[in-house]
Amino acid sequence: MIDLVFKNPVFTDKTIRLLEDNKYVFSVDVKITKKQVKLLIEDLFLVKVSSINSYIFAGKKRRLGKFQGYKNVEKRIIITLKTGYFFPFFSKL
C-alpha cells in the first residue's frame, strides 16, 4: 500500500535545508488526505507527526509541434516530526 501512496522523496536545495528542521518532503498520490498520511507514517515508522502541509502543482499546458497536452498534476507533502523522532533512511543526508 505504501507504494501506491508515496511516489518518492523530494530532494531539492530547499528540501535538504528543511531536513535540519526535522521536515521531510514526499511526492504522493493526489487523492490521499493529510489524515491518511499521518496514520500511515505513525504506524509504519513508529514516529510522532507534529504537522503536515501539502500543496498541489497544477497540470500546465505543454506543446510539442502541433500536439498540445497537459503535464501531470503532482501533490507534495511536508511532514514535520516531533523533536526526538526521525526517519532512519534520512539520517545520512
PDB file of N, CA and C in Angstrom:
ATOM      1  N   MET A   1       0.813  -1.198   0.000  1.00  0.00           N
ATOM      2  CA  MET A   1       0.000   0.000   0.000  1.00  0.00           C
ATOM      3  C   MET A   1       0.854   1.258   0.000  1.00  0.00           C
ATOM      4  N   ILE A   2       1.999   1.203   0.639  1.00  0.00           N
ATOM      5  CA  ILE A   2       2.846   2.392   0.716  1.00  0.00           C
ATOM      6  C   ILE A   2       3.345   2.800  -0.664  1.00  0.00           C
ATOM      7  N   ASP A   3       3.513   1.853  -1.586  1.00  0.00           N
ATOM      8  CA  ASP A   3       3.955   2.180  -2.933  1.00  0.00           C
ATOM      9  C   ASP A   3       2.881   2.958  -3.681  1.00  0.00           C
ATOM     10  N   LEU A   4       1.622   2.722  -3.353  1.00  0.00           N
ATOM     11  CA  LEU A   4       0.544   3.433  -4.017  1.00  0.00           C
ATOM     12  C   LEU A   4       0.393   4.851  -3.500  1.00  0.00           C
ATOM     13  N   VAL A   5       0.792   5.096  -2.262  1.00  0.00           N
ATOM     14  CA  VAL A   5       0.628   6.404  -1.643  1.00  0.00           C
ATOM     15  C   VAL A   5       1.836   7.291  -1.906  1.00  0.00           C
ATOM     16  N   PHE A   6       3.021   6.832  -1.507  1.00  0.00           N
ATOM     17  CA  PHE A   6       4.238   7.608  -1.644  1.00  0.00           C
ATOM     18  C   PHE A   6       4.938   7.260  -2.947  1.00  0.00           C
ATOM     19  N   LYS A   7       5.159   8.262  -3.789  1.00  0.00           N
ATOM     20  CA  LYS A   7       5.850   8.017  -5.050  1.00  0.00           C
ATOM     21  C   LYS A   7       7.360   8.067  -4.855  1.00  0.00           C
ATOM     22  N   ASN A   8       7.856   9.140  -4.241  1.00  0.00           N
ATOM     23  CA  ASN A   8       9.284   9.265  -3.983  1.00  0.00           C
ATOM     24  C   ASN A   8       9.545  10.432  -3.036  1.00  0.00           C
ATOM     25  N   PRO A   9      10.689  10.421  -2.348  1.00  0.00           N
ATOM     26  CA  PRO A   9      11.074  11.603  -1.573  1.00  0.00           C
ATOM     27  C   PRO A   9      11.585  12.675  -2.535  1.00  0.00           C
ATOM     28  N   VAL A  10      11.436  13.923  -2.140  1.00  0.00           N
ATOM     29  CA  VAL A  10      11.859  15.037  -2.985  1.00  0.00           C
ATOM     30  C   VAL A  10      13.148  15.613  -2.424  1.00  0.00           C
ATOM     31  N   PHE A  11      14.184  15.691  -3.252  1.00  0.00           N
ATOM     32  CA  PHE A  11      15.466  16.245  -2.842  1.00  0.00           C
ATOM     33  C   PHE A  11      15.811  17.435  -3.721  1.00  0.00           C
ATOM     34  N   THR A  12      15.546  18.620  -3.211  1.00  0.00           N
ATOM     35  CA  THR A  12      15.955  19.855  -3.857  1.00  0.00           C
ATOM     36  C   THR A  12      16.780  20.637  -2.837  1.00  0.00           C
ATOM     37  N   ASP A  13      17.293  21.786  -3.221  1.00  0.00           N
ATOM     38  CA  ASP A  13      18.067  22.588  -2.274  1.00  0.00           C
ATOM     39  C   ASP A  13      17.222  22.983  -1.061  1.00  0.00           C
ATOM     40  N   LYS A  14      15.988  23.354  -1.329  1.00  0.00           N
ATOM     41  CA  LYS A  14      15.119  23.778  -0.230  1.00  0.00           C
ATOM     42  C   LYS A  14      14.760  22.610   0.685  1.00  0.00           C
ATOM     43  N   THR A  15      14.444  21.452   0.115  1.00  0.00           N
ATOM     44  CA  THR A  15      14.040  20.323   0.955  1.00  0.00           C
ATOM     45  C   THR A  15      15.202  19.781   1.783  1.00  0.00           C
ATOM     46  N   ILE A  16      16.408  19.897   1.267  1.00  0.00           N
ATOM     47  CA  ILE A  16      17.571  19.465   2.057  1.00  0.00           C
ATOM     48  C   ILE A  16      17.786  20.410   3.237  1.00  0.00           C
ATOM     49  N   ARG A  17      17.514  21.704   3.047  1.00  0.00           N
ATOM     50  CA  ARG A  17      17.581  22.646   4.175  1.00  0.00           C
ATOM     51  C   ARG A  17      16.483  22.359   5.192  1.00  0.00           C
ATOM     52  N   LEU A  18      15.320  21.898   4.725  1.00  0.00           N
ATOM     53  CA  LEU A  18      14.219  21.583   5.635  1.00  0.00           C
ATOM     54  C   LEU A  18      14.529  20.371   6.513  1.00  0.00           C
ATOM     55  N   LEU A  19      15.420  19.486   6.064  1.00  0.00           N
ATOM     56  CA  LEU A  19      15.785  18.315   6.868  1.00  0.00           C
ATOM     57  C   LEU A  19      16.390  18.734   8.204  1.00  0.00           C
ATOM     58  N   GLU A  20      17.060  19.887   8.247  1.00  0.00           N
ATOM     59  CA  GLU A  20      17.645  20.370   9.500  1.00  0.00           C
ATOM     60  C   GLU A  20      16.565  20.727  10.524  1.00  0.00           C
ATOM     61  N   ASP A  21      15.378  21.107  10.044  1.00  0.00           N
ATOM     62  CA  ASP A  21      14.262  21.449  10.924  1.00  0.00           C
ATOM     63  C   ASP A  21      13.345  20.260  11.183  1.00  0.00           C
ATOM     64  N   ASN A  22      13.806  19.057  10.831  1.00  0.00           N
ATOM     65  CA  ASN A  22      13.045  17.821  11.025  1.00  0.00           C
ATOM     66  C   ASN A  22      11.779  17.802  10.163  1.00  0.00           C
ATOM     67  N   LYS A  23      11.898  18.328   8.919  1.00  0.00           N
ATOM     68  CA  LYS A  23      10.798  18.339   7.967  1.00  0.00           C
ATOM     69  C   LYS A  23      11.203  17.512   6.753  1.00  0.00           C
ATOM     70  N   TYR A  24      10.295  16.646   6.302  1.00  0.00           N
ATOM     71  CA  TYR A  24      10.571  15.726   5.207  1.00  0.00           C
ATOM     72  C   TYR A  24       9.537  15.929   4.111  1.00  0.00           C
ATOM     73  N   VAL A  25       9.981  15.925   2.847  1.00  0.00           N
ATOM     74  CA  VAL A  25       9.096  16.209   1.724  1.00  0.00           C
ATOM     75  C   VAL A  25       8.983  14.973   0.844  1.00  0.00           C
ATOM     76  N   PHE A  26       7.736  14.606   0.524  1.00  0.00           N
ATOM     77  CA  PHE A  26       7.462  13.452  -0.327  1.00  0.00           C
ATOM     78  C   PHE A  26       6.501  13.848  -1.431  1.00  0.00           C
ATOM     79  N   SER A  27       6.642  13.205  -2.573  1.00  0.00           N
ATOM     80  CA  SER A  27       5.665  13.305  -3.640  1.00  0.00           C
ATOM     81  C   SER A  27       4.685  12.158  -3.428  1.00  0.00           C
ATOM     82  N   VAL A  28       3.379  12.476  -3.405  1.00  0.00           N
ATOM     83  CA  VAL A  28       2.376  11.473  -3.069  1.00  0.00           C
ATOM     84  C   VAL A  28       1.259  11.460  -4.105  1.00  0.00           C
ATOM     85  N   ASP A  29       0.370  10.488  -3.934  1.00  0.00           N
ATOM     86  CA  ASP A  29      -0.809  10.390  -4.777  1.00  0.00           C
ATOM     87  C   ASP A  29      -1.729  11.576  -4.503  1.00  0.00           C
ATOM     88  N   VAL A  30      -2.349  12.104  -5.525  1.00  0.00           N
ATOM     89  CA  VAL A  30      -3.170  13.309  -5.406  1.00  0.00           C
ATOM     90  C   VAL A  30      -4.407  13.070  -4.547  1.00  0.00           C
ATOM     91  N   LYS A  31      -4.918  11.863  -4.500  1.00  0.00           N
ATOM     92  CA  LYS A  31      -6.173  11.574  -3.809  1.00  0.00           C
ATOM     93  C   LYS A  31      -6.029  11.359  -2.302  1.00  0.00           C
ATOM     94  N   ILE A  32      -4.821  11.238  -1.788  1.00  0.00           N
ATOM     95  CA  ILE A  32      -4.637  10.935  -0.366  1.00  0.00           C
ATOM     96  C   ILE A  32      -4.815  12.195   0.481  1.00  0.00           C
ATOM     97  N   THR A  33      -5.337  12.014   1.687  1.00  0.00           N
ATOM     98  CA  THR A  33      -5.578  13.135   2.590  1.00  0.00           C
ATOM     99  C   THR A  33      -4.481  13.208   3.653  1.00  0.00           C
ATOM    100  N   LYS A  34      -4.452  14.332   4.359  1.00  0.00           N
ATOM    101  CA  LYS A  34      -3.451  14.518   5.411  1.00  0.00           C
ATOM    102  C   LYS A  34      -3.644  13.513   6.551  1.00  0.00           C
ATOM    103  N   LYS A  35      -4.882  13.239   6.907  1.00  0.00           N
ATOM    104  CA  LYS A  35      -5.147  12.289   7.989  1.00  0.00           C
ATOM    105  C   LYS A  35      -4.670  10.887   7.632  1.00  0.00           C
ATOM    106  N   GLN A  36      -4.873  10.486   6.375  1.00  0.00           N
ATOM    107  CA  GLN A  36      -4.411   9.165   5.943  1.00  0.00           C
ATOM    108  C   GLN A  36      -2.884   9.087   5.980  1.00  0.00           C
ATOM    109  N   VAL A  37      -2.224  10.153   5.557  1.00  0.00           N
ATOM    110  CA  VAL A  37      -0.759  10.178   5.580  1.00  0.00           C
ATOM    111  C   VAL A  37      -0.248  10.100   7.010  1.00  0.00           C
ATOM    112  N   LYS A  38      -0.862  10.852   7.909  1.00  0.00           N
ATOM    113  CA  LYS A  38      -0.424  10.859   9.309  1.00  0.00           C
ATOM    114  C   LYS A  38      -0.549   9.473   9.932  1.00  0.00           C
ATOM    115  N   LEU A  39      -1.683   8.823   9.744  1.00  0.00           N
ATOM    116  CA  LEU A  39      -1.871   7.480  10.300  1.00  0.00           C
ATOM    117  C   LEU A  39      -0.881   6.485   9.708  1.00  0.00           C
ATOM    118  N   LEU A  40      -0.652   6.571   8.412  1.00  0.00           N
ATOM    119  CA  LEU A  40       0.264   5.657   7.744  1.00  0.00           C
ATOM    120  C   LEU A  40       1.697   5.836   8.226  1.00  0.00           C
ATOM    121  N   ILE A  41       2.150   7.077   8.330  1.00  0.00           N
ATOM    122  CA  ILE A  41       3.520   7.367   8.783  1.00  0.00           C
ATOM    123  C   ILE A  41       3.714   6.926  10.229  1.00  0.00           C
ATOM    124  N   GLU A  42       2.771   7.243  11.096  1.00  0.00           N
ATOM    125  CA  GLU A  42       2.922   6.885  12.512  1.00  0.00           C
ATOM    126  C   GLU A  42       2.889   5.383  12.733  1.00  0.00           C
ATOM    127  N   ASP A  43       2.100   4.655  11.956  1.00  0.00           N
ATOM    128  CA  ASP A  43       2.034   3.205  12.110  1.00  0.00           C
ATOM    129  C   ASP A  43       3.254   2.502  11.520  1.00  0.00           C
ATOM    130  N   LEU A  44       3.711   2.945  10.371  1.00  0.00           N
ATOM    131  CA  LEU A  44       4.824   2.267   9.699  1.00  0.00           C
ATOM    132  C   LEU A  44       6.177   2.522  10.353  1.00  0.00           C
ATOM    133  N   PHE A  45       6.448   3.790  10.707  1.00  0.00           N
ATOM    134  CA  PHE A  45       7.787   4.158  11.160  1.00  0.00           C
ATOM    135  C   PHE A  45       7.881   4.396  12.658  1.00  0.00           C
ATOM    136  N   LEU A  46       6.760   4.263  13.386  1.00  0.00           N
ATOM    137  CA  LEU A  46       6.734   4.437  14.840  1.00  0.00           C
ATOM    138  C   LEU A  46       7.312   5.784  15.258  1.00  0.00           C
ATOM    139  N   VAL A  47       6.832   6.840  14.610  1.00  0.00           N
ATOM    140  CA  VAL A  47       7.225   8.208  14.927  1.00  0.00           C
ATOM    141  C   VAL A  47       5.960   9.008  15.234  1.00  0.00           C
ATOM    142  N   LYS A  48       6.126  10.198  15.785  1.00  0.00           N
ATOM    143  CA  LYS A  48       5.014  11.092  16.064  1.00  0.00           C
ATOM    144  C   LYS A  48       5.077  12.276  15.106  1.00  0.00           C
ATOM    145  N   VAL A  49       3.993  12.509  14.394  1.00  0.00           N
ATOM    146  CA  VAL A  49       3.925  13.596  13.429  1.00  0.00           C
ATOM    147  C   VAL A  49       3.380  14.841  14.111  1.00  0.00           C
ATOM    148  N   SER A  50       4.106  15.939  13.965  1.00  0.00           N
ATOM    149  CA  SER A  50       3.684  17.206  14.539  1.00  0.00           C
ATOM    150  C   SER A  50       2.695  17.920  13.625  1.00  0.00           C
ATOM    151  N   SER A  51       3.040  18.031  12.335  1.00  0.00           N
ATOM    152  CA  SER A  51       2.129  18.673  11.392  1.00  0.00           C
ATOM    153  C   SER A  51       2.410  18.182   9.977  1.00  0.00           C
ATOM    154  N   ILE A  52       1.423  18.388   9.114  1.00  0.00           N
ATOM    155  CA  ILE A  52       1.551  18.016   7.712  1.00  0.00           C
ATOM    156  C   ILE A  52       1.035  19.174   6.870  1.00  0.00           C
ATOM    157  N   ASN A  53       1.843  19.629   5.943  1.00  0.00           N
ATOM    158  CA  ASN A  53       1.439  20.645   4.970  1.00  0.00           C
ATOM    159  C   ASN A  53       1.461  19.990   3.605  1.00  0.00           C
ATOM    160  N   SER A  54       0.556  20.422   2.730  1.00  0.00           N
ATOM    161  CA  SER A  54       0.519  19.840   1.392  1.00  0.00           C
ATOM    162  C   SER A  54       0.239  20.917   0.361  1.00  0.00           C
ATOM    163  N   TYR A  55       0.705  20.676  -0.847  1.00  0.00           N
ATOM    164  CA  TYR A  55       0.385  21.563  -1.954  1.00  0.00           C
ATOM    165  C   TYR A  55       0.362  20.766  -3.240  1.00  0.00           C
ATOM    166  N   ILE A  56      -0.430  21.251  -4.192  1.00  0.00           N
ATOM    167  CA  ILE A  56      -0.628  20.552  -5.457  1.00  0.00           C
ATOM    168  C   ILE A  56      -0.116  21.425  -6.596  1.00  0.00           C
ATOM    169  N   PHE A  57       0.756  20.835  -7.422  1.00  0.00           N
ATOM    170  CA  PHE A  57       1.196  21.503  -8.639  1.00  0.00           C
ATOM    171  C   PHE A  57       0.118  21.291  -9.693  1.00  0.00           C
ATOM    172  N   ALA A  58      -0.333  22.362 -10.289  1.00  0.00           N
ATOM    173  CA  ALA A  58      -1.351  22.253 -11.333  1.00  0.00           C
ATOM    174  C   ALA A  58      -0.729  21.687 -12.603  1.00  0.00           C
ATOM    175  N   GLY A  59      -1.539  21.013 -13.396  1.00  0.00           N
ATOM    176  CA  GLY A  59      -1.071  20.491 -14.667  1.00  0.00           C
ATOM    177  C   GLY A  59      -0.944  21.623 -15.679  1.00  0.00           C
ATOM    178  N   LYS A  60       0.270  21.905 -16.115  1.00  0.00           N
ATOM    179  CA  LYS A  60       0.498  23.012 -17.032  1.00  0.00           C
ATOM    180  C   LYS A  60       0.367  22.555 -18.469  1.00  0.00           C
ATOM    181  N   LYS A  61       0.013  23.491 -19.339  1.00  0.00           N
ATOM    182  CA  LYS A  61      -0.101  23.193 -20.757  1.00  0.00           C
ATOM    183  C   LYS A  61       1.275  23.004 -21.368  1.00  0.00           C
ATOM    184  N   ARG A  62       1.431  21.967 -22.155  1.00  0.00           N
ATOM    185  CA  ARG A  62       2.679  21.697 -22.862  1.00  0.00           C
ATOM    186  C   ARG A  62       2.365  21.474 -24.325  1.00  0.00           C
ATOM    187  N   ARG A  63       3.342  21.772 -25.161  1.00  0.00           N
ATOM    188  CA  ARG A  63       3.114  21.683 -26.590  1.00  0.00           C
ATOM    189  C   ARG A  63       4.340  21.086 -27.258  1.00  0.00           C
ATOM    190  N   LEU A  64       4.111  20.185 -28.190  1.00  0.00           N
ATOM    191  CA  LEU A  64       5.176  19.597 -28.987  1.00  0.00           C
ATOM    192  C   LEU A  64       4.716  19.647 -30.446  1.00  0.00           C
ATOM    193  N   GLY A  65       5.211  20.650 -31.153  1.00  0.00           N
ATOM    194  CA  GLY A  65       4.764  20.839 -32.528  1.00  0.00           C
ATOM    195  C   GLY A  65       3.306  21.236 -32.559  1.00  0.00           C
ATOM    196  N   LYS A  66       2.512  20.498 -33.306  1.00  0.00           N
ATOM    197  CA  LYS A  66       1.085  20.810 -33.373  1.00  0.00           C
ATOM    198  C   LYS A  66       0.274  20.103 -32.288  1.00  0.00           C
ATOM    199  N   PHE A  67       0.916  19.243 -31.510  1.00  0.00           N
ATOM    200  CA  PHE A  67       0.223  18.494 -30.470  1.00  0.00           C
ATOM    201  C   PHE A  67       0.278  19.255 -29.148  1.00  0.00           C
ATOM    202  N   GLN A  68      -0.855  19.304 -28.494  1.00  0.00           N
ATOM    203  CA  GLN A  68      -0.948  20.021 -27.240  1.00  0.00           C
ATOM    204  C   GLN A  68      -1.483  19.080 -26.169  1.00  0.00           C
ATOM    205  N   GLY A  69      -0.936  19.198 -24.961  1.00  0.00           N
ATOM    206  CA  GLY A  69      -1.392  18.360 -23.865  1.00  0.00           C
ATOM    207  C   GLY A  69      -1.128  19.037 -22.539  1.00  0.00           C
ATOM    208  N   TYR A  70      -1.232  18.275 -21.475  1.00  0.00           N
ATOM    209  CA  TYR A  70      -1.025  18.804 -20.139  1.00  0.00           C
ATOM    210  C   TYR A  70      -0.003  17.959 -19.403  1.00  0.00           C
ATOM    211  N   LYS A  71       0.778  18.621 -18.579  1.00  0.00           N
ATOM    212  CA  LYS A  71       1.722  17.945 -17.714  1.00  0.00           C
ATOM    213  C   LYS A  71       0.943  17.346 -16.545  1.00  0.00           C
ATOM    214  N   ASN A  72       1.415  16.262 -15.982  1.00  0.00           N
ATOM    215  CA  ASN A  72       0.705  15.593 -14.895  1.00  0.00           C
ATOM    216  C   ASN A  72       0.609  16.469 -13.646  1.00  0.00           C
ATOM    217  N   VAL A  73      -0.475  16.309 -12.927  1.00  0.00           N
ATOM    218  CA  VAL A  73      -0.679  17.000 -11.658  1.00  0.00           C
ATOM    219  C   VAL A  73       0.126  16.246 -10.600  1.00  0.00           C
ATOM    220  N   GLU A  74       0.778  16.995  -9.703  1.00  0.00           N
ATOM    221  CA  GLU A  74       1.616  16.379  -8.683  1.00  0.00           C
ATOM    222  C   GLU A  74       1.278  16.986  -7.325  1.00  0.00           C
ATOM    223  N   LYS A  75       1.249  16.151  -6.287  1.00  0.00           N
ATOM    224  CA  LYS A  75       0.984  16.612  -4.924  1.00  0.00           C
ATOM    225  C   LYS A  75       2.202  16.302  -4.068  1.00  0.00           C
ATOM    226  N   ARG A  76       2.623  17.282  -3.281  1.00  0.00           N
ATOM    227  CA  ARG A  76       3.739  17.083  -2.355  1.00  0.00           C
ATOM    228  C   ARG A  76       3.270  17.379  -0.942  1.00  0.00           C
ATOM    229  N   ILE A  77       3.829  16.631   0.001  1.00  0.00           N
ATOM    230  CA  ILE A  77       3.512  16.867   1.406  1.00  0.00           C
ATOM    231  C   ILE A  77       4.802  17.130   2.168  1.00  0.00           C
ATOM    232  N   ILE A  78       4.706  17.995   3.157  1.00  0.00           N
ATOM    233  CA  ILE A  78       5.824  18.289   4.048  1.00  0.00           C
ATOM    234  C   ILE A  78       5.421  17.768   5.416  1.00  0.00           C
ATOM    235  N   ILE A  79       6.152  16.768   5.890  1.00  0.00           N
ATOM    236  CA  ILE A  79       5.859  16.138   7.174  1.00  0.00           C
ATOM    237  C   ILE A  79       6.832  16.675   8.211  1.00  0.00           C
ATOM    238  N   THR A  80       6.312  17.257   9.275  1.00  0.00           N
ATOM    239  CA  THR A  80       7.127  17.733  10.381  1.00  0.00           C
ATOM    240  C   THR A  80       6.978  16.755  11.533  1.00  0.00           C
ATOM    241  N   LEU A  81       8.105  16.194  11.977  1.00  0.00           N
ATOM    242  CA  LEU A  81       8.080  15.246  13.088  1.00  0.00           C
ATOM    243  C   LEU A  81       8.360  15.970  14.399  1.00  0.00           C
ATOM    244  N   LYS A  82       7.862  15.421  15.488  1.00  0.00           N
ATOM    245  CA  LYS A  82       8.121  15.988  16.807  1.00  0.00           C
ATOM    246  C   LYS A  82       9.598  15.801  17.150  1.00  0.00           C
ATOM    247  N   THR A  83      10.100  16.621  18.054  1.00  0.00           N
ATOM    248  CA  THR A  83      11.513  16.551  18.428  1.00  0.00           C
ATOM    249  C   THR A  83      11.829  15.188  19.022  1.00  0.00           C
ATOM    250  N   GLY A  84      12.981  14.666  18.665  1.00  0.00           N
ATOM    251  CA  GLY A  84      13.402  13.351  19.138  1.00  0.00           C
ATOM    252  C   GLY A  84      13.076  12.228  18.180  1.00  0.00           C
ATOM    253  N   TYR A  85      12.264  12.478  17.179  1.00  0.00           N
ATOM    254  CA  TYR A  85      11.905  11.467  16.188  1.00  0.00           C
ATOM    255  C   TYR A  85      12.548  11.803  14.853  1.00  0.00           C
ATOM    256  N   PHE A  86      12.880  10.772  14.075  1.00  0.00           N
ATOM    257  CA  PHE A  86      13.454  10.974  12.741  1.00  0.00           C
ATOM    258  C   PHE A  86      13.225   9.728  11.911  1.00  0.00           C
ATOM    259  N   PHE A  87      13.299   9.892  10.585  1.00  0.00           N
ATOM    260  CA  PHE A  87      13.252   8.757   9.673  1.00  0.00           C
ATOM    261  C   PHE A  87      14.658   8.192   9.555  1.00  0.00           C
ATOM    262  N   PRO A  88      14.847   6.897   9.760  1.00  0.00           N
ATOM    263  CA  PRO A  88      16.202   6.339   9.740  1.00  0.00           C
ATOM    264  C   PRO A  88      16.893   6.448   8.381  1.00  0.00           C
ATOM    265  N   PHE A  89      16.158   6.389   7.276  1.00  0.00           N
ATOM    266  CA  PHE A  89      16.801   6.414   5.979  1.00  0.00           C
ATOM    267  C   PHE A  89      17.192   7.834   5.553  1.00  0.00           C
ATOM    268  N   PHE A  90      16.824   8.867   6.297  1.00  0.00           N
ATOM    269  CA  PHE A  90      17.257  10.228   6.016  1.00  0.00           C
ATOM    270  C   PHE A  90      18.414  10.668   6.905  1.00  0.00           C
ATOM    271  N   SER A  91      18.845   9.846   7.827  1.00  0.00           N
ATOM    272  CA  SER A  91      19.840  10.264   8.817  1.00  0.00           C
ATOM    273  C   SER A  91      21.226  10.485   8.231  1.00  0.00           C
ATOM    274  N   LYS A  92      21.519   9.921   7.065  1.00  0.00           N
ATOM    275  CA  LYS A  92      22.860  10.058   6.485  1.00  0.00           C
ATOM    276  C   LYS A  92      22.984  11.257   5.566  1.00  0.00           C
ATOM    277  N   LEU A  93      21.914  12.015   5.382  1.00  0.00           N
ATOM    278  CA  LEU A  93      21.967  13.194   4.489  1.00  0.00           C
ATOM    279  C   LEU A  93      22.457  14.404   5.231  1.00  0.00           C
TER     280      LEU A  93
END
